[in-house]
C-alpha atoms as a PDB file:
ATOM      1  CA  MET A   1     -28.708  -3.236 -74.081  1.00  0.00           C
ATOM      2  CA  GLN A   2     -26.528  -0.602 -75.669  1.00  0.00           C
ATOM      3  CA  THR A   3     -22.742  -0.439 -75.520  1.00  0.00           C
ATOM      4  CA  ASN A   4     -22.894   2.745 -73.478  1.00  0.00           C
ATOM      5  CA  GLN A   5     -24.787   0.843 -70.809  1.00  0.00           C
ATOM      6  CA  LEU A   6     -22.052  -1.710 -70.142  1.00  0.00           C
ATOM      7  CA  ILE A   7     -20.441  -1.525 -66.662  1.00  0.00           C
ATOM      8  CA  ARG A   8     -17.121  -3.139 -65.697  1.00  0.00           C
ATOM      9  CA  ASN A   9     -17.036  -5.390 -62.648  1.00  0.00           C
ATOM     10  CA  HIS A  10     -13.400  -4.506 -61.869  1.00  0.00           C
ATOM     11  CA  PRO A  11     -12.418  -0.950 -62.722  1.00  0.00           C
ATOM     12  CA  ASN A  12      -8.790  -0.019 -63.376  1.00  0.00           C
ATOM     13  CA  ARG A  13      -6.679   0.313 -60.233  1.00  0.00           C
ATOM     14  CA  LYS A  14      -5.328   3.800 -59.668  1.00  0.00           C
ATOM     15  CA  ARG A  15      -1.638   4.052 -58.801  1.00  0.00           C
ATOM     16  CA  MET A  16      -0.571   5.994 -55.724  1.00  0.00           C
ATOM     17  CA  ILE A  17       0.961   9.305 -56.661  1.00  0.00           C
ATOM     18  CA  VAL A  18       3.950  10.233 -54.506  1.00  0.00           C
ATOM     19  CA  ALA A  19       3.993  14.003 -54.612  1.00  0.00           C
ATOM     20  CA  ARG A  20       2.331  17.057 -53.232  1.00  0.00           C
ATOM     21  CA  GLY A  21      -0.332  16.772 -55.902  1.00  0.00           C
ATOM     22  CA  SER A  22      -1.549  13.385 -54.640  1.00  0.00           C
ATOM     23  CA  LYS A  23      -4.383  12.852 -52.223  1.00  0.00           C
ATOM     24  CA  ARG A  24      -2.109  11.841 -49.341  1.00  0.00           C
ATOM     25  CA  GLY A  25       0.372  14.707 -49.888  1.00  0.00           C
ATOM     26  CA  LYS A  26       4.142  14.993 -50.026  1.00  0.00           C
ATOM     27  CA  THR A  27       5.699  11.624 -49.141  1.00  0.00           C
ATOM     28  CA  SER A  28       2.349   9.776 -49.277  1.00  0.00           C
ATOM     29  CA  GLY A  29       3.167   7.653 -46.221  1.00  0.00           C
ATOM     30  CA  ARG A  30       6.671   6.732 -47.398  1.00  0.00           C
ATOM     31  CA  GLY A  31       8.512   8.590 -44.640  1.00  0.00           C
ATOM     32  CA  GLY A  32      11.061  11.343 -44.772  1.00  0.00           C
ATOM     33  CA  LYS A  33      14.469  11.605 -46.433  1.00  0.00           C
ATOM     34  CA  GLY A  34      16.349  13.264 -43.650  1.00  0.00           C
ATOM     35  CA  GLN A  35      18.461  11.458 -41.048  1.00  0.00           C
ATOM     36  CA  THR A  36      16.577   8.216 -41.619  1.00  0.00           C
ATOM     37  CA  ALA A  37      17.694   8.193 -45.258  1.00  0.00           C
ATOM     38  CA  ARG A  38      21.413   8.492 -44.490  1.00  0.00           C
ATOM     39  CA  ALA A  39      23.966   5.734 -44.079  1.00  0.00           C
ATOM     40  CA  GLY A  40      24.936   4.792 -40.537  1.00  0.00           C
ATOM     41  CA  ASN A  41      21.680   5.946 -38.959  1.00  0.00           C
ATOM     42  CA  LYS A  42      21.473   3.703 -35.887  1.00  0.00           C
ATOM     43  CA  ARG A  43      20.013   5.746 -33.044  1.00  0.00           C
ATOM     44  CA  ARG A  44      19.320   4.091 -29.707  1.00  0.00           C
ATOM     45  CA  PRO A  45      16.478   5.727 -27.726  1.00  0.00           C
ATOM     46  CA  GLU A  46      17.519   7.138 -24.376  1.00  0.00           C
ATOM     47  CA  TRP A  47      14.339   5.961 -22.631  1.00  0.00           C
ATOM     48  CA  ARG A  48      15.289   2.365 -23.447  1.00  0.00           C
ATOM     49  CA  GLU A  49      18.438   2.729 -21.337  1.00  0.00           C
ATOM     50  CA  MET A  50      16.325   4.011 -18.444  1.00  0.00           C
ATOM     51  CA  ILE A  51      13.887   1.096 -18.682  1.00  0.00           C
ATOM     52  CA  LYS A  52      16.679  -1.480 -18.738  1.00  0.00           C
ATOM     53  CA  LYS A  53      18.076  -0.085 -15.458  1.00  0.00           C
ATOM     54  CA  ILE A  54      14.782  -0.557 -13.603  1.00  0.00           C
ATOM     55  CA  PRO A  55      14.614  -3.909 -11.759  1.00  0.00           C
ATOM     56  CA  LYS A  56      11.817  -6.226 -12.805  1.00  0.00           C
ATOM     57  CA  LEU A  57       8.946  -7.008 -10.462  1.00  0.00           C
ATOM     58  CA  ARG A  58       8.214 -10.713 -10.627  1.00  0.00           C
ATOM     59  CA  GLY A  59       4.827 -12.356 -10.411  1.00  0.00           C
ATOM     60  CA  ARG A  60       2.394  -9.693 -11.650  1.00  0.00           C
ATOM     61  CA  GLY A  61       3.401  -8.786 -15.170  1.00  0.00           C
ATOM     62  CA  LYS A  62       1.031  -6.532 -17.051  1.00  0.00           C
ATOM     63  CA  ASN A  63      -1.483  -6.740 -14.172  1.00  0.00           C
ATOM     64  CA  SER A  64       0.799  -4.973 -11.697  1.00  0.00           C
ATOM     65  CA  ASN A  65      -1.683  -2.115 -11.230  1.00  0.00           C
ATOM     66  CA  ILE A  66      -4.585  -4.394 -10.317  1.00  0.00           C
ATOM     67  CA  SER A  67      -5.429  -4.291  -6.624  1.00  0.00           C
ATOM     68  CA  PHE A  68      -4.966  -7.375  -4.457  1.00  0.00           C
ATOM     69  CA  TYR A  69      -8.203  -6.548  -2.652  1.00  0.00           C
ATOM     70  CA  ARG A  70     -11.136  -8.739  -3.622  1.00  0.00           C
ATOM     71  CA  LYS A  71     -14.553  -7.172  -3.705  1.00  0.00           C
ATOM     72  CA  PRO A  72     -17.041  -8.756  -1.300  1.00  0.00           C
ATOM     73  CA  ALA A  73     -19.638 -11.230  -2.531  1.00  0.00           C
ATOM     74  CA  VAL A  74     -23.025  -9.530  -2.929  1.00  0.00           C
ATOM     75  CA  VAL A  75     -26.265 -11.051  -1.643  1.00  0.00           C
ATOM     76  CA  SER A  76     -29.658  -9.361  -2.083  1.00  0.00           C
ATOM     77  CA  LEU A  77     -32.470  -9.167   0.447  1.00  0.00           C
ATOM     78  CA  ALA A  78     -34.780 -10.844  -2.044  1.00  0.00           C
ATOM     79  CA  ALA A  79     -32.468 -13.883  -2.166  1.00  0.00           C
ATOM     80  CA  LEU A  80     -32.423 -14.105   1.628  1.00  0.00           C
ATOM     81  CA  GLU A  81     -36.200 -13.937   1.809  1.00  0.00           C
ATOM     82  CA  SER A  82     -36.624 -16.655  -0.803  1.00  0.00           C
ATOM     83  CA  VAL A  83     -34.168 -19.102   0.800  1.00  0.00           C
ATOM     84  CA  PHE A  84     -34.370 -18.601   4.579  1.00  0.00           C
ATOM     85  CA  GLU A  85     -37.273 -18.773   6.988  1.00  0.00           C
ATOM     86  CA  ALA A  86     -38.242 -16.082   9.475  1.00  0.00           C
ATOM     87  CA  GLY A  87     -35.922 -15.827  12.467  1.00  0.00           C
ATOM     88  CA  ALA A  88     -32.998 -17.547  10.711  1.00  0.00           C
ATOM     89  CA  ALA A  89     -29.441 -16.650  11.730  1.00  0.00           C
ATOM     90  CA  ILE A  90     -27.483 -15.546   8.655  1.00  0.00           C
ATOM     91  CA  THR A  91     -23.681 -15.666   8.549  1.00  0.00           C
ATOM     92  CA  PRO A  92     -21.208 -16.060   5.657  1.00  0.00           C
ATOM     93  CA  ALA A  93     -20.821 -19.765   6.476  1.00  0.00           C
ATOM     94  CA  VAL A  94     -24.609 -20.272   6.334  1.00  0.00           C
ATOM     95  CA  LEU A  95     -24.778 -18.462   2.985  1.00  0.00           C
ATOM     96  CA  ILE A  96     -22.121 -20.815   1.580  1.00  0.00           C
ATOM     97  CA  GLU A  97     -24.049 -23.874   2.812  1.00  0.00           C
ATOM     98  CA  ASN A  98     -27.178 -22.678   1.029  1.00  0.00           C
ATOM     99  CA  GLY A  99     -25.350 -21.925  -2.228  1.00  0.00           C
ATOM    100  CA  LEU A 100     -25.786 -18.142  -2.198  1.00  0.00           C
ATOM    101  CA  VAL A 101     -22.026 -17.485  -1.909  1.00  0.00           C
ATOM    102  CA  ASN A 102     -19.034 -19.418  -3.267  1.00  0.00           C
ATOM    103  CA  THR A 103     -15.754 -19.920  -1.452  1.00  0.00           C
ATOM    104  CA  TRP A 104     -12.531 -18.266  -2.643  1.00  0.00           C
ATOM    105  CA  SER A 105      -9.739 -20.857  -2.785  1.00  0.00           C
ATOM    106  CA  GLY A 106     -11.422 -22.770   0.020  1.00  0.00           C
ATOM    107  CA  ASN A 107     -11.754 -19.666   2.223  1.00  0.00           C
ATOM    108  CA  ILE A 108     -14.894 -17.852   3.342  1.00  0.00           C
ATOM    109  CA  PRO A 109     -15.074 -14.518   1.488  1.00  0.00           C
ATOM    110  CA  GLU A 110     -16.376 -11.196   2.709  1.00  0.00           C
ATOM    111  CA  VAL A 111     -20.113 -10.825   2.157  1.00  0.00           C
ATOM    112  CA  LYS A 112     -22.157  -7.675   1.700  1.00  0.00           C
ATOM    113  CA  ILE A 113     -25.945  -7.597   1.819  1.00  0.00           C
ATOM    114  CA  LEU A 114     -27.680  -5.139  -0.501  1.00  0.00           C
ATOM    115  CA  GLY A 115     -31.280  -4.295  -1.172  1.00  0.00           C
ATOM    116  CA  ALA A 116     -33.685  -1.390  -1.165  1.00  0.00           C
ATOM    117  CA  GLY A 117     -37.110  -3.027  -1.029  1.00  0.00           C
ATOM    118  CA  PRO A 118     -38.985  -4.017   2.158  1.00  0.00           C
ATOM    119  CA  ILE A 119     -38.946  -7.594   3.455  1.00  0.00           C
ATOM    120  CA  ALA A 120     -41.569  -9.503   5.461  1.00  0.00           C
ATOM    121  CA  LYS A 121     -39.256 -11.898   7.360  1.00  0.00           C
ATOM    122  CA  ALA A 122     -37.051 -11.059  10.333  1.00  0.00           C
ATOM    123  CA  PHE A 123     -33.444 -12.240  10.117  1.00  0.00           C
ATOM    124  CA  LYS A 124     -30.509 -12.222  12.506  1.00  0.00           C
ATOM    125  CA  VAL A 125     -27.574 -11.084  10.401  1.00  0.00           C
ATOM    126  CA  SER A 126     -24.005 -11.152  11.719  1.00  0.00           C
ATOM    127  CA  GLY A 127     -20.500 -11.267  10.273  1.00  0.00           C
ATOM    128  CA  CYS A 128     -21.505  -9.485   7.052  1.00  0.00           C
ATOM    129  CA  ALA A 129     -21.210  -5.993   5.674  1.00  0.00           C
ATOM    130  CA  ILE A 130     -24.498  -4.314   4.830  1.00  0.00           C
ATOM    131  CA  SER A 131     -25.783  -1.198   3.129  1.00  0.00           C
ATOM    132  CA  GLU A 132     -27.794   1.421   5.000  1.00  0.00           C
ATOM    133  CA  THR A 133     -31.004   0.677   3.120  1.00  0.00           C
ATOM    134  CA  ALA A 134     -30.709  -3.077   3.673  1.00  0.00           C
ATOM    135  CA  GLN A 135     -29.985  -2.574   7.365  1.00  0.00           C
ATOM    136  CA  ALA A 136     -33.018  -0.326   7.744  1.00  0.00           C
ATOM    137  CA  ALA A 137     -35.220  -2.908   5.992  1.00  0.00           C
ATOM    138  CA  ILE A 138     -34.017  -5.737   8.282  1.00  0.00           C
ATOM    139  CA  ILE A 139     -34.554  -3.699  11.449  1.00  0.00           C
ATOM    140  CA  LYS A 140     -37.968  -2.554  10.232  1.00  0.00           C
ATOM    141  CA  ALA A 141     -39.011  -6.198   9.702  1.00  0.00           C
ATOM    142  CA  GLY A 142     -38.060  -6.975  13.317  1.00  0.00           C
ATOM    143  CA  GLY A 143     -34.642  -8.493  12.662  1.00  0.00           C
ATOM    144  CA  THR A 144     -31.238  -7.688  14.112  1.00  0.00           C
ATOM    145  CA  PHE A 145     -27.841  -6.867  12.653  1.00  0.00           C
ATOM    146  CA  THR A 146     -24.479  -7.269  14.365  1.00  0.00           C
ATOM    147  CA  ALA A 147     -21.765  -5.079  12.871  1.00  0.00           C
ATOM    148  CA  ILE A 148     -18.299  -6.414  12.091  1.00  0.00           C
ATOM    149  CA  THR A 149     -15.697  -5.364  14.623  1.00  0.00           C
ATOM    150  CA  PRO A 150     -12.849  -3.564  12.868  1.00  0.00           C
ATOM    151  CA  LYS A 151      -9.471  -5.208  13.028  1.00  0.00           C
ATOM    152  CA  ALA A 152      -7.015  -3.743  15.463  1.00  0.00           C
ATOM    153  CA  LYS A 153      -4.531  -1.598  13.648  1.00  0.00           C
ATOM    154  CA  THR A 154      -0.953  -2.042  14.681  1.00  0.00           C
ATOM    155  CA  LYS A 155       0.930   1.126  15.313  1.00  0.00           C
ATOM    156  CA  ILE A 156       4.191   1.397  13.477  1.00  0.00           C
ATOM    157  CA  VAL A 157       6.662   3.612  15.236  1.00  0.00           C
ATOM    158  CA  ALA A 158       9.665   4.677  13.210  1.00  0.00           C
ATOM    159  CA  ALA A 159      12.935   4.094  14.940  1.00  0.00           C
ATOM    160  CA  ARG A 160      14.259   7.534  14.108  1.00  0.00           C
ATOM    161  CA  THR A 161      11.226   9.522  15.204  1.00  0.00           C
ATOM    162  CA  GLY A 162      11.531  11.189  18.571  1.00  0.00           C
ATOM    163  CA  PRO A 163       8.871  11.392  21.314  1.00  0.00           C
ATOM    164  CA  LYS A 164       5.693  13.349  20.671  1.00  0.00           C
ATOM    165  CA  ALA A 165       5.484  16.954  21.734  1.00  0.00           C
ATOM    166  CA  GLY A 166       4.372  17.235  25.359  1.00  0.00           C
ATOM    167  CA  ALA A 167       5.031  13.570  26.131  1.00  0.00           C
ATOM    168  CA  PRO A 168       7.280  13.001  29.131  1.00  0.00           C
ATOM    169  CA  THR A 169      10.615  11.565  28.229  1.00  0.00           C
ATOM    170  CA  GLU A 170      12.194   8.644  30.038  1.00  0.00           C
ATOM    171  CA  ALA A 171      14.609  10.921  31.800  1.00  0.00           C
ATOM    172  CA  ALA A 172      11.769  13.188  32.987  1.00  0.00           C
ATOM    173  CA  ALA A 173       9.566  10.283  34.029  1.00  0.00           C
ATOM    174  CA  LYS A 174      12.182   8.708  36.280  1.00  0.00           C
ATOM    175  CA  PRO A 175      13.206  10.796  39.298  1.00  0.00           C
ATOM    176  CA  GLU A 176      16.783  11.791  39.201  1.00  0.00           C
ATOM    177  CA  ALA A 177      18.830   9.814  41.653  1.00  0.00           C
ATOM    178  CA  ALA A 178      20.789  11.906  44.112  1.00  0.00           C
ATOM    179  CA  PRO A 179      24.457  11.804  43.222  1.00  0.00           C
ATOM    180  CA  LYS A 180      26.356   9.626  45.629  1.00  0.00           C
ATOM    181  CA  LYS A 181      29.061  11.430  47.497  1.00  0.00           C
ATOM    182  CA  ALA A 182      32.330   9.681  47.279  1.00  0.00           C
ATOM    183  CA  ALA A 183      33.585   8.701  50.727  1.00  0.00           C
ATOM    184  CA  LYS A 184      36.698  10.585  51.545  1.00  0.00           C
ATOM    185  CA  LYS A 185      39.575   8.270  52.132  1.00  0.00           C
ATOM    186  CA  PRO A 186      41.900   9.210  54.950  1.00  0.00           C
ATOM    187  CA  ALA A 187      45.087  10.757  53.731  1.00  0.00           C
ATOM    188  CA  PRO A 188      48.013   8.377  54.007  1.00  0.00           C
ATOM    189  CA  ALA A 189      50.235   9.172  56.949  1.00  0.00           C
ATOM    190  CA  LYS A 190      53.571  10.608  55.974  1.00  0.00           C
ATOM    191  CA  PRO A 191      56.557   8.678  57.266  1.00  0.00           C
ATOM    192  CA  ALA A 192      58.226  10.369  60.201  1.00  0.00           C
ATOM    193  CA  GLU A 193      61.329  12.208  59.164  1.00  0.00           C
ATOM    194  CA  ALA A 194      64.512  10.802  60.597  1.00  0.00           C
ATOM    195  CA  SER A 195      66.013  13.125  63.177  1.00  0.00           C
ATOM    196  CA  LYS A 196      68.944  14.885  61.611  1.00  0.00           C
ATOM    197  CA  PRO A 197      72.045  15.590  63.764  1.00  0.00           C
ATOM    198  CA  ALA A 198      72.473  19.190  64.811  1.00  0.00           C
ATOM    199  CA  ALA A 199      74.702  21.169  62.522  1.00  0.00           C
ATOM    200  CA  LYS A 200      78.185  21.858  63.907  1.00  0.00           C
ATOM    201  CA  PRO A 201      79.076  25.549  64.416  1.00  0.00           C
ATOM    202  CA  LYS A 202      81.444  26.822  61.860  1.00  0.00           C
ATOM    203  CA  ALA A 203      84.898  27.678  63.088  1.00  0.00           C
ATOM    204  CA  GLU A 204      85.671  31.335  63.154  1.00  0.00           C
ATOM    205  CA  LYS A 205      88.199  32.401  60.674  1.00  0.00           C
ATOM    206  CA  LYS A 206      91.482  33.547  62.131  1.00  0.00           C
ATOM    207  CA  ALA A 207      92.435  37.145  61.402  1.00  0.00           C
END
């Protein structure tokens, strides 16, 4: 080995040049020398004042944008065919008993049946949501499907909103009652005037 073939394991460390001639340019990541380099620079961001005025929403934290709605538990047609016999009645409670669906906090969750392939067994499915392809496969195999009845939606009527256009109002719906004529009371009788004595004739003036 020659001396010109020697290689150092740890080469000299290059210092960072703070100037426009360095690789990083100008301040080289050291910031500016303007307002931030002056005494008494204590700026408070305006957006912080806005945030502090907003009331806090308790209980959700950073997950406030996550929906409360839970997605339904998914069960495939292949799983139904492997567990149940032909002609079996399938409901969410039956799926929980057979271990295909787990409860949510002790409650029966919503269940949706999916699947695209054909099945050989006929099932009676009720109380579950189902895809179009899975429903067609069950009906084709001779089974039945009972759709979920939608929940009745309560109508919220604002107190300040008036009646709909064209709808009869309460005043129009009820016939107007004929105004009652006030019974005329007899006029009170005037007391009879006392008879005044006849005026005496004036005496003629003497000439």
